[in-house]
């Protein structure tokens, strides 16, 4: 698969740790969503691609923690 930004083939996979915050002052009252995706990083332009897992995606869409998250 080539880079979506520069079409380079020079990509590497890494394990990631990501804290997703909601924007604005209202976001301070909402949960920080932690996810640990596999990152596909273009070594030429730095573009990074990853997928948010379904459980964390649900928290982002509802702005509420579930008992499993």
N, C-alpha and C. Protein backbone atom coordinates (compact mmCIF):
# COMPACT_ATOMS: atom_id res chain seq x y z
N UNK A 1 0.84 -1.17 0.00
CA UNK A 1 0.00 0.00 0.00
C UNK A 1 0.89 1.24 0.00
N UNK A 2 0.55 2.22 -0.79
CA UNK A 2 1.36 3.43 -0.85
C UNK A 2 0.77 4.51 0.05
N UNK A 3 1.59 5.50 0.38
CA UNK A 3 1.18 6.61 1.23
C UNK A 3 0.03 7.37 0.56
N UNK A 4 -0.99 7.71 1.34
CA UNK A 4 -2.15 8.43 0.82
C UNK A 4 -1.83 9.89 0.47
N UNK A 5 -0.74 10.40 1.01
CA UNK A 5 -0.40 11.80 0.75
C UNK A 5 0.63 11.98 -0.36
N UNK A 6 1.71 11.17 -0.33
CA UNK A 6 2.78 11.39 -1.31
C UNK A 6 3.02 10.19 -2.23
N UNK A 7 2.27 9.11 -2.04
CA UNK A 7 2.33 7.87 -2.80
C UNK A 7 3.65 7.09 -2.63
N UNK A 8 4.44 7.42 -1.64
CA UNK A 8 5.68 6.69 -1.37
C UNK A 8 5.36 5.28 -0.88
N UNK A 9 6.27 4.37 -1.16
CA UNK A 9 6.18 3.00 -0.65
C UNK A 9 6.99 2.83 0.65
N UNK A 10 7.70 3.88 1.04
CA UNK A 10 8.60 3.85 2.19
C UNK A 10 7.81 4.09 3.48
N UNK A 11 7.13 3.04 3.97
CA UNK A 11 6.31 3.13 5.17
C UNK A 11 6.71 2.07 6.17
N UNK A 12 6.50 2.38 7.44
CA UNK A 12 6.79 1.41 8.50
C UNK A 12 5.64 1.41 9.51
N UNK A 13 5.42 0.26 10.13
CA UNK A 13 4.39 0.12 11.15
C UNK A 13 5.01 0.29 12.53
N UNK A 14 4.27 0.95 13.41
CA UNK A 14 4.69 1.16 14.80
C UNK A 14 3.48 0.94 15.70
N UNK A 15 3.73 0.59 16.95
CA UNK A 15 2.67 0.58 17.95
C UNK A 15 2.51 1.99 18.46
N UNK A 16 1.27 2.42 18.67
CA UNK A 16 1.02 3.78 19.11
C UNK A 16 0.27 3.83 20.43
N UNK A 17 0.38 4.97 21.08
CA UNK A 17 -0.38 5.28 22.29
C UNK A 17 -0.94 6.67 22.07
N UNK A 18 -2.26 6.79 22.05
CA UNK A 18 -2.89 8.04 21.65
C UNK A 18 -3.95 8.44 22.66
N UNK A 19 -3.89 9.67 23.13
CA UNK A 19 -4.93 10.23 24.00
C UNK A 19 -5.71 11.24 23.16
N UNK A 20 -7.00 10.95 22.95
CA UNK A 20 -7.84 11.82 22.14
C UNK A 20 -8.68 12.69 23.07
N UNK A 21 -8.56 14.01 22.90
CA UNK A 21 -9.28 14.97 23.73
C UNK A 21 -10.38 15.63 22.90
N UNK A 22 -11.50 15.92 23.55
CA UNK A 22 -12.56 16.69 22.89
C UNK A 22 -12.15 18.15 22.86
N UNK A 23 -12.56 18.87 21.84
CA UNK A 23 -12.17 20.27 21.66
C UNK A 23 -12.92 21.22 22.59
N UNK A 24 -12.32 22.38 22.78
CA UNK A 24 -12.97 23.48 23.48
C UNK A 24 -13.07 23.28 24.98
N UNK A 25 -13.61 24.29 25.64
CA UNK A 25 -13.76 24.25 27.10
C UNK A 25 -14.71 23.15 27.53
N UNK A 26 -15.75 22.88 26.73
CA UNK A 26 -16.67 21.80 27.06
C UNK A 26 -15.96 20.44 27.08
N UNK A 27 -14.90 20.33 26.29
CA UNK A 27 -14.15 19.09 26.23
C UNK A 27 -13.46 18.74 27.53
N UNK A 28 -13.24 19.74 28.38
CA UNK A 28 -12.59 19.47 29.67
C UNK A 28 -13.45 18.59 30.56
N UNK A 29 -14.76 18.61 30.37
CA UNK A 29 -15.67 17.81 31.18
C UNK A 29 -15.93 16.44 30.56
N UNK A 30 -15.37 16.18 29.40
CA UNK A 30 -15.58 14.92 28.71
C UNK A 30 -14.36 14.02 28.91
N UNK A 31 -14.55 12.71 28.75
CA UNK A 31 -13.43 11.79 29.00
C UNK A 31 -12.33 11.91 27.95
N UNK A 32 -11.11 11.67 28.40
CA UNK A 32 -9.99 11.49 27.46
C UNK A 32 -10.10 10.05 26.97
N UNK A 33 -10.02 9.86 25.68
CA UNK A 33 -10.16 8.53 25.10
C UNK A 33 -8.77 8.01 24.73
N UNK A 34 -8.34 6.97 25.42
CA UNK A 34 -7.05 6.34 25.16
C UNK A 34 -7.23 5.21 24.16
N UNK A 35 -6.33 5.14 23.20
CA UNK A 35 -6.33 4.04 22.24
C UNK A 35 -4.88 3.69 21.91
N UNK A 36 -4.67 2.46 21.52
CA UNK A 36 -3.32 1.96 21.26
C UNK A 36 -3.28 1.31 19.87
N UNK A 37 -3.42 2.15 18.84
CA UNK A 37 -3.51 1.61 17.48
C UNK A 37 -2.14 1.27 16.88
N UNK A 38 -2.19 0.48 15.82
CA UNK A 38 -1.01 0.28 14.99
C UNK A 38 -0.94 1.47 14.04
N UNK A 39 0.20 2.13 13.99
CA UNK A 39 0.40 3.31 13.15
C UNK A 39 1.19 2.93 11.91
N UNK A 40 0.73 3.37 10.76
CA UNK A 40 1.47 3.19 9.51
C UNK A 40 2.02 4.56 9.14
N UNK A 41 3.34 4.73 9.28
CA UNK A 41 3.99 6.02 9.12
C UNK A 41 4.79 6.06 7.82
N UNK A 42 4.54 7.10 7.01
CA UNK A 42 5.34 7.31 5.80
C UNK A 42 6.66 7.92 6.23
N UNK A 43 7.75 7.26 5.87
CA UNK A 43 9.08 7.72 6.27
C UNK A 43 9.58 8.86 5.38
N UNK A 44 8.83 9.22 4.33
CA UNK A 44 9.22 10.32 3.46
C UNK A 44 8.52 11.63 3.82
N UNK A 45 7.19 11.58 4.07
CA UNK A 45 6.47 12.83 4.33
C UNK A 45 5.90 12.93 5.76
N UNK A 46 5.89 11.80 6.50
CA UNK A 46 5.40 11.82 7.87
C UNK A 46 3.92 11.54 8.02
N UNK A 47 3.18 11.42 6.93
CA UNK A 47 1.76 11.12 7.03
C UNK A 47 1.59 9.82 7.79
N UNK A 48 0.62 9.80 8.72
CA UNK A 48 0.38 8.62 9.54
C UNK A 48 -1.08 8.21 9.44
N UNK A 49 -1.30 6.92 9.28
CA UNK A 49 -2.63 6.36 9.13
C UNK A 49 -2.88 5.37 10.26
N UNK A 50 -4.07 5.42 10.87
CA UNK A 50 -4.45 4.46 11.89
C UNK A 50 -5.96 4.38 11.97
N UNK A 51 -6.45 3.33 12.62
CA UNK A 51 -7.89 3.14 12.80
C UNK A 51 -8.20 3.15 14.29
N UNK A 52 -9.24 3.90 14.67
CA UNK A 52 -9.70 3.91 16.05
C UNK A 52 -10.59 2.68 16.25
N UNK A 53 -10.27 1.84 17.25
CA UNK A 53 -11.08 0.64 17.49
C UNK A 53 -12.53 1.00 17.83
N UNK A 54 -13.43 0.05 17.60
CA UNK A 54 -14.87 0.29 17.74
C UNK A 54 -15.25 0.77 19.14
N UNK A 55 -14.68 0.18 20.17
CA UNK A 55 -15.03 0.57 21.54
C UNK A 55 -14.71 2.04 21.80
N UNK A 56 -13.51 2.47 21.40
CA UNK A 56 -13.11 3.85 21.59
C UNK A 56 -13.89 4.79 20.67
N UNK A 57 -14.20 4.32 19.48
CA UNK A 57 -14.99 5.10 18.54
C UNK A 57 -16.38 5.38 19.12
N UNK A 58 -16.94 4.40 19.81
CA UNK A 58 -18.24 4.59 20.46
C UNK A 58 -18.17 5.67 21.53
N UNK A 59 -17.09 5.70 22.30
CA UNK A 59 -16.92 6.74 23.32
C UNK A 59 -16.83 8.11 22.64
N UNK A 60 -16.11 8.20 21.55
CA UNK A 60 -15.99 9.47 20.84
C UNK A 60 -17.33 9.94 20.28
N UNK A 61 -18.15 9.01 19.82
CA UNK A 61 -19.42 9.40 19.21
C UNK A 61 -20.48 9.75 20.24
N UNK A 62 -20.39 9.18 21.45
CA UNK A 62 -21.39 9.46 22.48
C UNK A 62 -20.89 10.42 23.56
N UNK A 63 -19.59 10.66 23.60
CA UNK A 63 -18.94 11.50 24.62
C UNK A 63 -19.11 10.94 26.03
N UNK A 64 -19.37 9.64 26.13
CA UNK A 64 -19.54 9.02 27.45
C UNK A 64 -18.77 7.71 27.50
N UNK A 65 -18.13 7.48 28.64
CA UNK A 65 -17.42 6.22 28.82
C UNK A 65 -18.40 5.09 29.01
N UNK A 66 -18.10 3.95 28.40
CA UNK A 66 -18.91 2.76 28.66
C UNK A 66 -18.18 1.97 29.74
N UNK A 67 -18.83 0.98 30.29
CA UNK A 67 -18.21 0.19 31.34
C UNK A 67 -17.02 -0.60 30.81
N UNK A 68 -16.98 -0.84 29.51
CA UNK A 68 -15.89 -1.64 28.92
C UNK A 68 -14.72 -0.78 28.48
N UNK A 69 -14.89 0.55 28.39
CA UNK A 69 -13.80 1.39 27.87
C UNK A 69 -12.84 1.81 28.95
